[in-house]
N, C-alpha and C. Protein backbone atom coordinates (compact mmCIF):
# COMPACT_ATOMS: atom_id res chain seq x y z
N MET A 1 0.83 -1.18 0.00
CA MET A 1 0.00 0.00 0.00
C MET A 1 0.88 1.25 0.00
N LEU A 2 1.89 1.23 0.85
CA LEU A 2 2.78 2.40 0.90
C LEU A 2 3.54 2.57 -0.42
N SER A 3 3.94 1.47 -1.03
CA SER A 3 4.63 1.55 -2.32
C SER A 3 3.70 2.11 -3.39
N TYR A 4 2.48 1.68 -3.37
CA TYR A 4 1.51 2.15 -4.35
C TYR A 4 1.28 3.66 -4.23
N LEU A 5 1.28 4.17 -3.01
CA LEU A 5 1.03 5.59 -2.78
C LEU A 5 2.29 6.44 -2.80
N SER A 6 3.45 5.83 -3.04
CA SER A 6 4.72 6.55 -3.04
C SER A 6 4.85 7.43 -4.29
N PRO A 7 5.93 8.22 -4.37
CA PRO A 7 6.12 9.11 -5.52
C PRO A 7 6.14 8.36 -6.86
N THR A 8 5.79 9.07 -7.90
CA THR A 8 5.76 8.48 -9.25
C THR A 8 7.14 8.09 -9.73
N ASP A 9 8.20 8.69 -9.18
CA ASP A 9 9.57 8.32 -9.56
C ASP A 9 9.84 6.85 -9.29
N PHE A 10 9.13 6.29 -8.33
CA PHE A 10 9.34 4.91 -7.93
C PHE A 10 8.18 4.01 -8.34
N GLY A 11 7.36 4.47 -9.24
CA GLY A 11 6.27 3.65 -9.76
C GLY A 11 4.97 3.78 -8.99
N GLY A 12 4.87 4.72 -8.07
CA GLY A 12 3.66 4.90 -7.28
C GLY A 12 2.72 5.92 -7.91
N THR A 13 1.69 6.25 -7.16
CA THR A 13 0.69 7.20 -7.65
C THR A 13 1.05 8.65 -7.36
N GLY A 14 2.00 8.88 -6.46
CA GLY A 14 2.41 10.23 -6.12
C GLY A 14 1.59 10.85 -5.02
N PHE A 15 0.77 10.07 -4.33
CA PHE A 15 -0.07 10.59 -3.26
C PHE A 15 0.79 11.10 -2.10
N PHE A 16 1.83 10.35 -1.74
CA PHE A 16 2.75 10.79 -0.69
C PHE A 16 4.02 11.35 -1.33
N PRO A 17 4.48 12.53 -0.92
CA PRO A 17 5.75 13.04 -1.44
C PRO A 17 6.92 12.22 -0.89
N PHE A 18 8.11 12.41 -1.49
CA PHE A 18 9.26 11.58 -1.16
C PHE A 18 9.59 11.56 0.33
N GLY A 19 9.69 12.67 0.99
CA GLY A 19 10.07 12.68 2.40
C GLY A 19 9.04 12.01 3.30
N LEU A 20 7.78 12.25 3.01
CA LEU A 20 6.71 11.68 3.83
C LEU A 20 6.64 10.17 3.71
N ASP A 21 6.86 9.64 2.52
CA ASP A 21 6.78 8.18 2.38
C ASP A 21 7.88 7.49 3.16
N VAL A 22 9.05 8.09 3.26
CA VAL A 22 10.13 7.51 4.04
C VAL A 22 9.76 7.49 5.52
N VAL A 23 9.18 8.58 6.00
CA VAL A 23 8.75 8.66 7.40
C VAL A 23 7.66 7.63 7.68
N LEU A 24 6.71 7.48 6.77
CA LEU A 24 5.63 6.51 6.95
C LEU A 24 6.15 5.07 6.96
N VAL A 25 7.09 4.76 6.11
CA VAL A 25 7.67 3.41 6.09
C VAL A 25 8.41 3.16 7.40
N ALA A 26 9.14 4.15 7.90
CA ALA A 26 9.85 3.99 9.16
C ALA A 26 8.86 3.79 10.31
N ALA A 27 7.81 4.59 10.36
CA ALA A 27 6.81 4.46 11.42
C ALA A 27 6.10 3.11 11.35
N PHE A 28 5.77 2.66 10.15
CA PHE A 28 5.13 1.36 9.98
C PHE A 28 6.06 0.24 10.45
N SER A 29 7.33 0.34 10.10
CA SER A 29 8.31 -0.67 10.50
C SER A 29 8.48 -0.73 12.00
N ILE A 30 8.53 0.43 12.64
CA ILE A 30 8.64 0.47 14.10
C ILE A 30 7.40 -0.12 14.74
N GLY A 31 6.24 0.18 14.20
CA GLY A 31 5.00 -0.40 14.71
C GLY A 31 4.99 -1.91 14.60
N ILE A 32 5.42 -2.44 13.47
CA ILE A 32 5.49 -3.89 13.29
C ILE A 32 6.49 -4.50 14.27
N TYR A 33 7.61 -3.84 14.47
CA TYR A 33 8.62 -4.34 15.41
C TYR A 33 8.04 -4.45 16.82
N TYR A 34 7.38 -3.38 17.29
CA TYR A 34 6.83 -3.42 18.64
C TYR A 34 5.69 -4.44 18.77
N PHE A 35 4.90 -4.61 17.73
CA PHE A 35 3.86 -5.63 17.75
C PHE A 35 4.49 -7.02 17.85
N ALA A 36 5.52 -7.26 17.04
CA ALA A 36 6.19 -8.56 17.06
C ALA A 36 6.81 -8.84 18.43
N MET A 37 7.39 -7.83 19.03
CA MET A 37 8.00 -8.02 20.35
C MET A 37 6.93 -8.31 21.41
N SER A 38 5.73 -7.77 21.23
CA SER A 38 4.68 -7.98 22.22
C SER A 38 4.06 -9.38 22.14
N VAL A 39 4.14 -10.03 20.99
CA VAL A 39 3.53 -11.34 20.83
C VAL A 39 4.56 -12.47 20.73
N ARG A 40 5.83 -12.16 20.96
CA ARG A 40 6.87 -13.17 20.84
C ARG A 40 6.76 -14.20 21.97
N LEU A 41 7.38 -15.34 21.75
CA LEU A 41 7.43 -16.38 22.76
C LEU A 41 8.50 -16.04 23.79
N THR A 42 8.27 -16.47 25.01
CA THR A 42 9.29 -16.30 26.04
C THR A 42 10.39 -17.33 25.80
N PRO A 43 11.58 -17.12 26.34
CA PRO A 43 12.64 -18.11 26.16
C PRO A 43 12.24 -19.50 26.66
N GLU A 44 11.47 -19.57 27.72
CA GLU A 44 11.03 -20.87 28.23
C GLU A 44 10.10 -21.56 27.23
N GLU A 45 9.20 -20.79 26.61
CA GLU A 45 8.30 -21.38 25.61
C GLU A 45 9.09 -21.89 24.40
N VAL A 46 10.10 -21.15 24.01
CA VAL A 46 10.93 -21.58 22.88
C VAL A 46 11.62 -22.88 23.21
N ARG A 47 12.22 -22.95 24.40
CA ARG A 47 12.89 -24.19 24.81
C ARG A 47 11.91 -25.37 24.83
N SER A 48 10.70 -25.12 25.30
CA SER A 48 9.69 -26.17 25.35
C SER A 48 9.32 -26.65 23.94
N HIS A 49 9.12 -25.71 23.02
CA HIS A 49 8.79 -26.08 21.64
C HIS A 49 9.93 -26.85 20.98
N VAL A 50 11.16 -26.41 21.23
CA VAL A 50 12.31 -27.10 20.65
C VAL A 50 12.41 -28.51 21.23
N ALA A 51 12.20 -28.65 22.52
CA ALA A 51 12.26 -29.97 23.14
C ALA A 51 11.17 -30.88 22.58
N ASP A 52 9.96 -30.34 22.41
CA ASP A 52 8.87 -31.13 21.83
C ASP A 52 9.20 -31.58 20.41
N ALA A 53 9.73 -30.66 19.62
CA ALA A 53 10.08 -31.00 18.23
C ALA A 53 11.18 -32.04 18.20
N ARG A 54 12.14 -31.92 19.11
CA ARG A 54 13.23 -32.89 19.18
C ARG A 54 12.69 -34.28 19.54
N GLU A 55 11.77 -34.33 20.50
CA GLU A 55 11.16 -35.62 20.89
C GLU A 55 10.40 -36.23 19.73
N GLU A 56 9.63 -35.41 19.01
CA GLU A 56 8.87 -35.93 17.87
C GLU A 56 9.81 -36.46 16.79
N ALA A 57 10.91 -35.75 16.55
CA ALA A 57 11.87 -36.21 15.54
C ALA A 57 12.50 -37.52 15.95
N GLU A 58 12.82 -37.66 17.22
CA GLU A 58 13.40 -38.91 17.70
C GLU A 58 12.40 -40.06 17.59
N GLU A 59 11.12 -39.79 17.88
CA GLU A 59 10.09 -40.83 17.75
C GLU A 59 9.95 -41.26 16.30
N GLU A 60 9.93 -40.31 15.38
CA GLU A 60 9.81 -40.64 13.97
C GLU A 60 11.04 -41.41 13.50
N GLU A 61 12.21 -41.05 14.00
CA GLU A 61 13.42 -41.76 13.62
C GLU A 61 13.39 -43.20 14.12
N ASP A 62 12.87 -43.41 15.32
CA ASP A 62 12.75 -44.76 15.88
C ASP A 62 11.77 -45.61 15.07
N ILE A 63 10.70 -44.99 14.60
CA ILE A 63 9.70 -45.71 13.82
C ILE A 63 10.27 -46.15 12.47
N THR A 64 11.05 -45.29 11.83
CA THR A 64 11.58 -45.60 10.50
C THR A 64 12.73 -46.58 10.56
N LEU A 65 13.34 -46.75 11.72
CA LEU A 65 14.45 -47.70 11.81
C LEU A 65 13.90 -49.04 12.07
């Protein structure tokens, strides 16, 4: 959406001038970063998921042998 509304020099519609589109992309990126940080897994959850995946892989390996 931001690319589509960017200046015509870059293939957009020209709705946003060059300086404003850079600021909007930066603000959007920061917003996405903070959202991602708010919904991330805790280190304990990551360890648990990795351990579960490791157990499943070992079970599948035992079945195929």
